[in-house]
Amino acid sequence: MAKGGEMSTEDALQQQLAAVARDAPPKLASFALWLIDHLPKVAFSSIRGVAAQAGTNPNTVTRLAQRLGFSGFDAFRAEVRQALAPSTAPYGQRAQALRNRPGTEIWDEALQTNLENLTSFFQPAGLARLEHCIDPLLSARRVHAVGVRSCLSVAHYLAYAGAMAFDNFAEFPAMPGAIMDQMSTTTPDDIVVAITYAHYSAEVVRACQVARLRGARVLAITDSHASPIAEDAWQVLKIPMNGPQLMPSLSTAFVAVELLLAAMAARSDRAAENIAKHEARIRDYGGYIALK
């Protein structure tokens, strides 16, 4: 949802497409259903390109655009581009906007927007995208988590907790140069979970480029389908990040990662045993402080 509970343009388009998928003639309904999961392809493709990818024809593409209230494909594409464009203000401006605001007002807005972020993401479409990721992550040869700067915390949590539970999670690439070293070893059987938002970190964008060149699948956790890591990604988890904080809120990203790991553990025969062994090792060697 947009700030203040208003529906975003992208959400509105998705609802319109869902209505067409329910009520339109079969050919048009089928194309609308395809677009629900592939809307970003409209932003960067010609009418013929979209038709070819969807397995339909340009006339159907035009008819759908008109059904949605646009004069034609070009107007529809312009609306999609605007809807997908990130709108993150410079961090300095975010901090300046907090100047002299009372704490209670900031806390109230932060609580409200975080609830809206979670509600927006955990709609059926968002849950379906998480569902699509579970079994492939469990069966991947290696799962790599990549994030730097503020996103390092989310990526590190994913790699750390994932390695506790599952045998196929790679060590988090924290040393200088380690991201490129790790990406250069990826294979088509690997999945790279990349996390970044505007401003997009060059290291993460480059990591995705290398991973794709190596044939690995990219799971992009980001703020927009127009994000550079969303390009040619295997799956995109578009995370709402609204709020008055100094930087875009990562709360929903953390929850998405936590629930993804929980769902994976629910389908794994080894996760509980692996975690128990990890806990025992750390406890035996004094890594945990027991209450007396």
Protein backbone atom coordinates (compact mmCIF):
# COMPACT_ATOMS: atom_id res chain seq x y z
CA MET A 1 0.00 0.00 0.00
CA ALA A 2 1.09 3.55 -0.55
CA LYS A 3 1.60 5.94 2.32
CA GLY A 4 -1.58 6.70 4.20
CA GLY A 5 -3.23 3.44 3.10
CA GLU A 6 -3.76 4.53 -0.51
CA MET A 7 -3.36 1.80 -3.12
CA SER A 8 -0.19 2.05 -5.21
CA THR A 9 -0.42 2.26 -9.00
CA GLU A 10 1.15 -1.18 -9.30
CA ASP A 11 -1.37 -2.71 -6.88
CA ALA A 12 -4.21 -1.05 -8.81
CA LEU A 13 -2.93 -2.48 -12.10
CA GLN A 14 -2.64 -5.93 -10.54
CA GLN A 15 -6.26 -5.73 -9.34
CA GLN A 16 -7.44 -4.61 -12.78
CA LEU A 17 -5.59 -7.50 -14.40
CA ALA A 18 -7.12 -9.95 -11.93
CA ALA A 19 -10.58 -8.66 -12.86
CA VAL A 20 -9.86 -9.14 -16.57
CA ALA A 21 -8.52 -12.64 -15.86
CA ARG A 22 -11.85 -13.48 -14.20
CA ASP A 23 -14.30 -11.87 -16.62
CA ALA A 24 -12.74 -11.49 -20.09
CA PRO A 25 -12.93 -13.95 -23.02
CA PRO A 26 -10.46 -16.84 -22.68
CA LYS A 27 -7.64 -15.48 -24.84
CA LEU A 28 -7.67 -12.08 -23.19
CA ALA A 29 -8.11 -13.62 -19.73
CA SER A 30 -5.15 -15.93 -20.28
CA PHE A 31 -2.92 -13.00 -21.27
CA ALA A 32 -4.07 -10.98 -18.23
CA LEU A 33 -3.25 -13.93 -15.98
CA TRP A 34 0.24 -14.12 -17.49
CA LEU A 35 0.75 -10.38 -16.98
CA ILE A 36 -0.05 -10.62 -13.26
CA ASP A 37 3.23 -12.51 -12.78
CA HIS A 38 5.17 -10.74 -15.56
CA LEU A 39 4.07 -7.10 -15.40
CA PRO A 40 7.69 -5.76 -15.33
CA LYS A 41 8.29 -7.20 -18.81
CA VAL A 42 5.90 -4.58 -20.19
CA ALA A 43 8.15 -1.75 -18.98
CA PHE A 44 11.11 -2.70 -21.16
CA SER A 45 9.63 -4.54 -24.15
CA SER A 46 7.95 -3.64 -27.43
CA ILE A 47 4.42 -4.74 -28.12
CA ARG A 48 5.77 -7.58 -30.27
CA GLY A 49 8.27 -8.52 -27.57
CA VAL A 50 5.57 -8.80 -24.92
CA ALA A 51 3.35 -10.81 -27.27
CA ALA A 52 6.17 -13.24 -28.09
CA GLN A 53 7.05 -13.79 -24.44
CA ALA A 54 3.41 -14.35 -23.49
CA GLY A 55 2.70 -16.65 -26.42
CA THR A 56 0.00 -14.39 -27.82
CA ASN A 57 -0.25 -11.76 -30.58
CA PRO A 58 0.13 -7.94 -30.64
CA ASN A 59 -3.59 -7.47 -31.23
CA THR A 60 -4.37 -9.19 -27.92
CA VAL A 61 -1.81 -6.97 -26.18
CA THR A 62 -3.51 -3.86 -27.59
CA ARG A 63 -6.97 -5.13 -26.65
CA LEU A 64 -5.86 -5.72 -23.06
CA ALA A 65 -4.35 -2.23 -22.79
CA GLN A 66 -7.63 -0.76 -24.01
CA ARG A 67 -9.62 -2.97 -21.66
CA LEU A 68 -7.59 -1.45 -18.81
CA GLY A 69 -8.56 2.04 -19.96
CA PHE A 70 -5.48 3.04 -21.96
CA SER A 71 -5.44 4.40 -25.50
CA GLY A 72 -2.98 1.69 -26.52
CA PHE A 73 0.13 -0.24 -25.59
CA ASP A 74 2.44 2.81 -25.40
CA ALA A 75 0.23 4.49 -22.78
CA PHE A 76 -0.01 1.23 -20.84
CA ARG A 77 3.78 0.78 -20.93
CA ALA A 78 4.33 4.36 -19.71
CA GLU A 79 2.02 3.74 -16.75
CA VAL A 80 3.83 0.50 -15.88
CA ARG A 81 7.22 2.22 -16.04
CA GLN A 82 6.00 4.94 -13.70
CA ALA A 83 4.44 2.40 -11.33
CA LEU A 84 7.62 0.34 -11.09
CA ALA A 85 10.06 3.23 -10.73
CA PRO A 86 11.60 3.48 -7.23
CA SER A 87 10.73 6.64 -5.33
CA THR A 88 13.32 6.58 -2.55
CA ALA A 89 14.39 10.04 -1.42
CA PRO A 90 18.08 10.71 -0.74
CA TYR A 91 18.99 9.59 2.76
CA GLY A 92 19.94 13.12 3.77
CA GLN A 93 16.47 14.32 2.85
CA ARG A 94 14.92 11.52 4.89
CA ALA A 95 16.92 12.61 7.93
CA GLN A 96 16.06 16.27 7.34
CA ALA A 97 12.36 15.38 7.21
CA LEU A 98 12.65 14.05 10.77
CA ARG A 99 14.04 17.33 12.08
CA ASN A 100 12.01 18.67 15.03
CA ARG A 101 9.27 16.05 14.73
CA PRO A 102 8.13 14.77 18.15
CA GLY A 103 9.12 11.22 18.97
CA THR A 104 5.57 10.00 19.50
CA GLU A 105 4.59 11.20 16.01
CA ILE A 106 7.55 9.34 14.46
CA TRP A 107 6.76 6.20 16.41
CA ASP A 108 3.09 6.27 15.41
CA GLU A 109 3.94 6.73 11.72
CA ALA A 110 6.64 4.04 11.84
CA LEU A 111 4.26 1.54 13.44
CA GLN A 112 1.48 2.30 10.96
CA THR A 113 3.69 2.14 7.86
CA ASN A 114 5.39 -1.06 9.01
CA LEU A 115 2.01 -2.71 9.47
CA GLU A 116 0.99 -1.48 6.01
CA ASN A 117 4.25 -2.80 4.53
CA LEU A 118 3.66 -6.25 6.00
CA THR A 119 0.01 -6.31 4.96
CA SER A 120 0.89 -5.24 1.43
CA PHE A 121 3.59 -7.89 0.98
CA PHE A 122 1.77 -10.79 2.58
CA GLN A 123 -1.14 -10.72 0.16
CA PRO A 124 -1.85 -13.92 -1.82
CA ALA A 125 0.51 -12.86 -4.63
CA GLY A 126 3.40 -12.24 -2.23
CA LEU A 127 2.81 -15.50 -0.41
CA ALA A 128 2.67 -17.32 -3.74
CA ARG A 129 6.07 -15.91 -4.68
CA LEU A 130 7.52 -17.13 -1.39
CA GLU A 131 5.93 -20.52 -2.01
CA HIS A 132 7.59 -20.77 -5.45
CA CYS A 133 11.01 -20.33 -3.79
CA ILE A 134 10.86 -23.01 -1.10
CA ASP A 135 11.48 -26.29 -2.93
CA PRO A 136 14.07 -24.85 -5.39
CA LEU A 137 16.06 -23.41 -2.46
CA LEU A 138 15.98 -26.77 -0.70
CA SER A 139 17.18 -28.62 -3.79
CA ALA A 140 19.80 -26.10 -4.99
CA ARG A 141 23.44 -27.20 -5.01
CA ARG A 142 24.40 -24.02 -3.17
CA VAL A 143 22.41 -21.06 -1.84
CA HIS A 144 24.41 -17.82 -1.67
CA ALA A 145 23.25 -14.69 0.19
CA VAL A 146 24.61 -11.35 -1.01
CA GLY A 147 24.05 -7.97 0.61
CA VAL A 148 26.22 -5.04 1.64
CA ARG A 149 25.86 -1.86 3.72
CA SER A 150 22.43 -1.76 5.40
CA CYS A 151 21.35 -4.95 3.58
CA LEU A 152 24.31 -6.88 4.97
CA SER A 153 22.29 -7.60 8.12
CA VAL A 154 19.46 -9.30 6.21
CA ALA A 155 21.82 -11.27 3.96
CA HIS A 156 24.01 -12.33 6.90
CA TYR A 157 20.98 -13.51 8.87
CA LEU A 158 19.79 -15.56 5.89
CA ALA A 159 23.21 -17.15 5.40
CA TYR A 160 23.81 -17.76 9.12
CA ALA A 161 20.41 -19.21 9.99
CA GLY A 162 20.24 -21.05 6.67
CA ALA A 163 23.61 -22.74 7.27
CA MET A 164 22.46 -23.85 10.74
CA ALA A 165 19.51 -25.69 9.24
CA PHE A 166 20.51 -26.71 5.72
CA ASP A 167 23.59 -28.31 4.23
CA ASN A 168 23.55 -26.32 1.00
CA PHE A 169 23.91 -22.74 2.30
CA ALA A 170 27.25 -21.15 1.42
CA GLU A 171 29.32 -19.20 3.93
CA PHE A 172 28.47 -15.50 3.93
CA PRO A 173 30.98 -13.58 1.76
CA ALA A 174 32.13 -10.97 4.27
CA MET A 175 35.83 -10.56 3.43
CA PRO A 176 37.02 -8.01 0.81
CA GLY A 177 36.70 -9.55 -2.63
CA ALA A 178 34.77 -12.55 -1.30
CA ILE A 179 31.55 -11.71 -3.16
CA MET A 180 33.22 -11.87 -6.57
CA ASP A 181 35.22 -14.95 -5.58
CA GLN A 182 32.03 -16.73 -4.56
CA MET A 183 29.98 -15.64 -7.58
CA SER A 184 32.68 -16.89 -9.93
CA THR A 185 32.11 -20.43 -8.58
CA THR A 186 28.34 -20.50 -9.04
CA THR A 187 26.70 -23.01 -11.38
CA PRO A 188 23.26 -23.41 -12.99
CA ASP A 189 22.33 -25.51 -9.96
CA ASP A 190 22.90 -22.59 -7.57
CA ILE A 191 20.59 -19.83 -6.33
CA VAL A 192 21.91 -16.39 -5.40
CA VAL A 193 19.68 -14.47 -2.98
CA ALA A 194 20.57 -10.82 -3.57
CA ILE A 195 19.33 -7.95 -1.41
CA THR A 196 19.56 -4.27 -2.32
CA TYR A 197 17.36 -1.21 -2.82
CA ALA A 198 17.72 2.33 -4.12
CA HIS A 199 20.45 3.46 -3.96
CA TYR A 200 21.45 0.10 -5.48
CA SER A 201 24.80 -1.18 -4.24
CA ALA A 202 27.20 -1.72 -7.14
CA GLU A 203 28.71 -4.82 -5.52
CA VAL A 204 25.34 -6.57 -5.37
CA VAL A 205 24.34 -5.55 -8.90
CA ARG A 206 27.66 -6.84 -10.23
CA ALA A 207 27.30 -10.07 -8.23
CA CYS A 208 23.95 -10.73 -9.94
CA GLN A 209 25.44 -10.04 -13.35
CA VAL A 210 28.23 -12.54 -12.73
CA ALA A 211 25.82 -15.12 -11.31
CA ARG A 212 23.58 -14.86 -14.37
CA LEU A 213 26.58 -15.22 -16.67
CA ARG A 214 27.45 -18.40 -14.79
CA GLY A 215 23.88 -19.66 -15.28
CA ALA A 216 22.84 -19.38 -11.63
CA ARG A 217 19.33 -18.31 -10.67
CA VAL A 218 18.89 -14.98 -8.91
CA LEU A 219 16.28 -14.43 -6.21
CA ALA A 220 16.07 -10.64 -5.97
CA ILE A 221 14.84 -9.10 -2.73
CA THR A 222 14.44 -5.46 -3.63
CA ASP A 223 12.18 -2.41 -3.65
CA SER A 224 11.08 -2.36 -7.28
CA HIS A 225 10.66 -4.53 -10.35
CA ALA A 226 12.68 -1.83 -12.10
CA SER A 227 15.64 -2.57 -9.78
CA PRO A 228 18.80 -3.59 -11.66
CA ILE A 229 18.93 -6.90 -9.76
CA ALA A 230 15.37 -7.70 -10.88
CA GLU A 231 16.48 -7.80 -14.52
CA ASP A 232 16.33 -11.43 -15.72
CA ALA A 233 15.92 -12.60 -12.10
CA TRP A 234 14.47 -16.05 -11.49
CA GLN A 235 12.17 -14.67 -8.78
CA VAL A 236 11.60 -11.14 -7.45
CA LEU A 237 10.35 -10.41 -3.94
CA LYS A 238 9.30 -6.76 -4.08
CA ILE A 239 9.53 -5.50 -0.52
CA PRO A 240 7.52 -2.45 0.64
CA MET A 241 9.93 -0.20 2.56
CA ASN A 242 7.83 2.83 3.53
CA GLY A 243 8.31 4.66 6.80
CA PRO A 244 9.90 7.72 8.41
CA GLN A 245 13.16 5.94 9.32
CA LEU A 246 16.60 7.28 8.38
CA MET A 247 16.75 4.72 5.55
CA PRO A 248 14.04 2.65 3.86
CA SER A 249 12.60 0.14 6.32
CA LEU A 250 14.03 -3.40 6.20
CA SER A 251 11.46 -4.84 8.64
CA THR A 252 9.42 -6.58 5.94
CA ALA A 253 12.59 -7.96 4.32
CA PHE A 254 13.59 -9.56 7.63
CA VAL A 255 10.14 -11.07 8.11
CA ALA A 256 10.11 -12.41 4.53
CA VAL A 257 13.50 -14.07 5.04
CA GLU A 258 12.50 -15.48 8.44
CA LEU A 259 9.30 -17.00 7.06
CA LEU A 260 11.09 -18.35 4.00
CA LEU A 261 13.54 -20.21 6.25
CA ALA A 262 10.70 -21.43 8.48
CA ALA A 263 8.79 -22.81 5.51
CA MET A 264 11.94 -24.52 4.23
CA ALA A 265 12.52 -26.09 7.65
CA ALA A 266 8.95 -27.40 7.63
CA ARG A 267 9.74 -29.39 4.47
CA SER A 268 13.21 -30.57 5.45
CA ASP A 269 13.96 -33.93 7.06
CA ARG A 270 17.31 -32.67 8.39
CA ALA A 271 16.73 -29.07 9.50
CA ALA A 272 15.70 -29.78 13.10
CA GLU A 273 18.57 -32.23 13.64
CA ASN A 274 21.11 -29.87 12.07
CA ILE A 275 20.00 -26.95 14.27
CA ALA A 276 20.06 -29.10 17.41
CA LYS A 277 23.62 -30.23 16.65
CA HIS A 278 24.69 -26.63 16.02
CA GLU A 279 23.20 -25.49 19.32
CA ALA A 280 24.90 -28.34 21.17
CA ARG A 281 28.31 -27.52 19.71
CA ILE A 282 28.07 -23.84 20.60
CA ARG A 283 26.81 -24.65 24.10
CA ASP A 284 29.53 -27.27 24.73
CA TYR A 285 32.29 -24.82 23.85
CA GLY A 286 30.94 -21.94 25.89
CA GLY A 287 29.36 -19.87 23.14
CA TYR A 288 26.12 -19.46 25.09
CA ILE A 289 25.82 -18.08 28.61
CA ALA A 290 23.39 -20.17 30.63
CA LEU A 291 21.21 -18.55 33.29
CA LYS A 292 21.84 -19.88 36.78
